[in-house]
């Protein structure tokens, strides 16, 4: 499905014009999130990850594209709060 088509679907959902879409979008999002969590867990068990930064964006819904700046800022804050650890890891790698 094209990006434009997805935008149209999400816009209809956000405007409340299509009540059937929340279930479809929610199921897709949950499936992607579960797969992502499993990949992260697998990587952590394998010792491949030096540091996992987990920004606090749980309150942002999958369809709230208008909150991208908020998510980016949360990522920046999470990174800055781990900066000393990031520097330490980089020193050890070099």
Protein backbone atom coordinates (compact mmCIF):
# COMPACT_ATOMS: atom_id res chain seq x y z
CA UNK A 1 0.00 0.00 0.00
CA UNK A 2 1.36 3.41 -0.91
CA UNK A 3 2.40 5.97 1.66
CA UNK A 4 -0.29 8.35 0.39
CA UNK A 5 -2.98 5.71 0.88
CA UNK A 6 -1.82 5.13 4.46
CA UNK A 7 -1.97 8.87 5.11
CA UNK A 8 -5.56 8.97 3.83
CA UNK A 9 -6.53 6.04 6.05
CA UNK A 10 -4.92 7.57 9.13
CA UNK A 11 -6.51 10.96 8.42
CA UNK A 12 -9.97 9.39 8.18
CA UNK A 13 -9.35 7.56 11.44
CA UNK A 14 -8.09 10.67 13.25
CA UNK A 15 -11.09 12.68 12.08
CA UNK A 16 -13.43 9.93 13.31
CA UNK A 17 -14.79 9.29 9.81
CA UNK A 18 -14.04 5.57 9.82
CA UNK A 19 -14.79 3.60 12.98
CA UNK A 20 -13.55 0.26 11.60
CA UNK A 21 -9.93 1.34 11.29
CA UNK A 22 -8.85 1.48 14.94
CA UNK A 23 -9.01 -2.30 15.16
CA UNK A 24 -6.95 -2.78 11.99
CA UNK A 25 -4.36 -0.19 12.93
CA UNK A 26 -4.19 -1.37 16.54
CA UNK A 27 -3.66 -4.99 15.51
CA UNK A 28 -0.92 -4.05 13.03
CA UNK A 29 0.79 -1.83 15.57
CA UNK A 30 0.66 -4.49 18.27
CA UNK A 31 2.08 -7.11 15.91
CA UNK A 32 4.96 -4.83 14.94
CA UNK A 33 5.61 -3.90 18.57
CA UNK A 34 5.68 -7.54 19.69
CA UNK A 35 8.09 -8.47 16.89
CA UNK A 36 10.30 -5.50 17.76
CA UNK A 37 10.34 -6.41 21.46
CA UNK A 38 11.29 -10.01 20.64
CA UNK A 39 14.17 -8.84 18.43
CA UNK A 40 15.44 -6.54 21.18
CA UNK A 41 15.18 -9.31 23.78
CA UNK A 42 17.04 -11.69 21.48
CA UNK A 43 19.80 -9.17 20.83
CA UNK A 44 20.18 -8.43 24.54
CA UNK A 45 20.49 -12.13 25.37
CA UNK A 46 23.13 -12.54 22.69
CA UNK A 47 25.27 -9.79 24.17
CA UNK A 48 25.26 -7.74 20.97
CA UNK A 49 23.88 -4.57 22.57
CA UNK A 50 26.12 -2.22 24.53
CA UNK A 51 23.37 0.13 25.63
CA UNK A 52 19.62 0.28 25.14
CA UNK A 53 18.09 3.75 25.27
CA UNK A 54 14.35 3.62 25.79
CA UNK A 55 12.69 7.04 25.46
CA UNK A 56 9.48 7.50 27.42
CA UNK A 57 6.94 7.82 24.60
CA UNK A 58 4.37 5.27 25.73
CA UNK A 59 1.68 7.93 25.96
CA UNK A 60 2.00 8.72 22.22
CA UNK A 61 -0.34 6.69 20.04
CA UNK A 62 0.80 5.00 16.84
CA UNK A 63 -1.31 7.32 14.71
CA UNK A 64 -0.27 10.59 16.34
CA UNK A 65 2.18 11.70 13.68
CA UNK A 66 1.69 15.28 14.80
CA UNK A 67 3.59 14.45 18.02
CA UNK A 68 6.86 13.55 16.26
CA UNK A 69 8.70 16.52 17.78
CA UNK A 70 7.69 15.33 21.26
CA UNK A 71 9.05 11.85 20.52
CA UNK A 72 12.29 13.23 19.13
CA UNK A 73 12.73 15.39 22.23
CA UNK A 74 12.10 12.35 24.46
CA UNK A 75 14.83 10.50 22.56
CA UNK A 76 17.21 13.43 22.97
CA UNK A 77 16.54 13.60 26.73
CA UNK A 78 16.98 9.85 27.14
CA UNK A 79 20.26 10.02 25.22
CA UNK A 80 21.53 12.99 27.22
CA UNK A 81 20.69 11.25 30.49
CA UNK A 82 22.91 8.34 29.36
CA UNK A 83 25.69 10.46 27.91
CA UNK A 84 28.34 9.55 30.48
CA UNK A 85 27.66 5.85 29.92
CA UNK A 86 27.77 6.34 26.15
CA UNK A 87 31.16 8.05 26.45
CA UNK A 88 32.45 5.27 28.69
CA UNK A 89 31.35 2.61 26.21
CA UNK A 90 33.01 4.51 23.35
CA UNK A 91 36.26 4.78 25.30
CA UNK A 92 36.27 1.03 25.95
CA UNK A 93 35.61 0.29 22.28
CA UNK A 94 38.58 2.39 21.17
